[in-house]
Protein backbone atom coordinates (compact mmCIF):
# COMPACT_ATOMS: atom_id res chain seq x y z
CA MET A 1 83.45 81.84 93.83
CA ASP A 2 84.65 84.91 91.97
CA ASP A 3 84.24 88.35 93.45
CA PRO A 4 82.00 89.85 90.74
CA TYR A 5 82.43 93.48 91.77
CA PHE A 6 86.21 93.43 91.88
CA ASN A 7 86.70 91.25 88.83
CA ASN A 8 84.20 93.25 86.73
CA TYR A 9 85.52 96.69 87.59
CA PHE A 10 89.25 96.06 87.96
CA HIS A 11 90.37 94.36 84.78
CA THR A 12 94.06 94.36 85.66
CA PHE A 13 95.14 93.58 89.22
CA PHE A 14 98.91 93.28 89.07
CA ARG A 15 101.16 92.43 91.99
CA CYS A 16 104.90 92.00 91.96
CA ILE A 17 107.74 91.54 94.38
CA GLY A 18 111.42 90.67 94.45
CA ASP A 19 112.47 87.16 95.35
CA ASN A 20 114.63 88.59 98.17
CA ASP A 21 112.15 91.28 99.29
CA CYS A 22 111.83 91.65 103.05
CA PHE A 23 108.03 91.70 102.62
CA ARG A 24 107.82 88.47 100.61
CA SER A 25 106.19 86.48 103.43
CA ARG A 26 103.38 89.05 103.63
CA PHE A 27 103.01 88.95 99.84
CA LEU A 28 102.55 85.17 100.02
CA GLU A 29 99.99 85.53 102.84
CA GLU A 30 98.04 87.96 100.67
CA ASP A 31 98.10 85.36 97.86
CA ALA A 32 95.99 83.04 99.99
CA ILE A 33 93.44 85.78 100.73
CA ILE A 34 93.23 86.80 97.07
CA GLN A 35 92.72 83.20 95.95
CA GLU A 36 90.11 82.62 98.67
CA LYS A 37 88.14 85.65 97.46
CA GLY A 38 88.35 84.52 93.83
CA VAL A 39 90.01 87.71 92.68
CA HIS A 40 91.75 87.45 89.31
CA GLU A 41 95.31 88.66 89.52
CA ILE A 42 98.52 88.79 87.58
CA ARG A 43 101.55 88.37 89.80
CA LYS A 44 105.24 88.26 89.09
CA ILE A 45 108.31 87.63 91.16
CA TYR A 46 111.45 89.36 89.94
CA PRO A 47 115.04 88.72 90.95
CA GLY A 48 116.08 91.19 93.63
CA GLY A 49 115.00 92.83 96.84
CA HIS A 50 112.86 95.76 97.93
CA ASP A 51 114.44 98.28 95.58
CA TRP A 52 114.46 99.88 92.14
CA ASN A 53 116.10 96.82 90.56
CA VAL A 54 112.69 95.16 91.03
CA TRP A 55 110.36 98.16 90.81
CA ARG A 56 111.70 99.35 87.45
CA PRO A 57 110.90 96.15 85.50
CA CYS A 58 107.70 95.78 87.50
CA PHE A 59 106.53 99.23 86.41
CA THR A 60 107.53 98.53 82.80
CA ASP A 61 105.52 95.29 82.73
CA PHE A 62 102.51 96.92 84.40
CA ALA A 63 102.53 99.93 82.06
CA GLN A 64 102.56 97.64 79.04
CA MET A 65 99.52 95.80 80.39
CA ILE A 66 97.38 98.86 80.99
CA PHE A 67 98.33 100.84 77.87
CA ARG A 68 97.79 98.17 75.22
């Protein structure tokens, strides 16, 4: 069952993380909660850790989604 409030008011819910990020296990746990709630999301996993090598392309991708 979709969460109508969240999905109607937040048209872009974007999550990203590096494949070697120290918080990746928590990110994956959150995936289960998000799916259970029926929230629509866009998620990407980039090569790298918890640093600007991941955040920079993540920000670029996100900015292109919200400013189109």
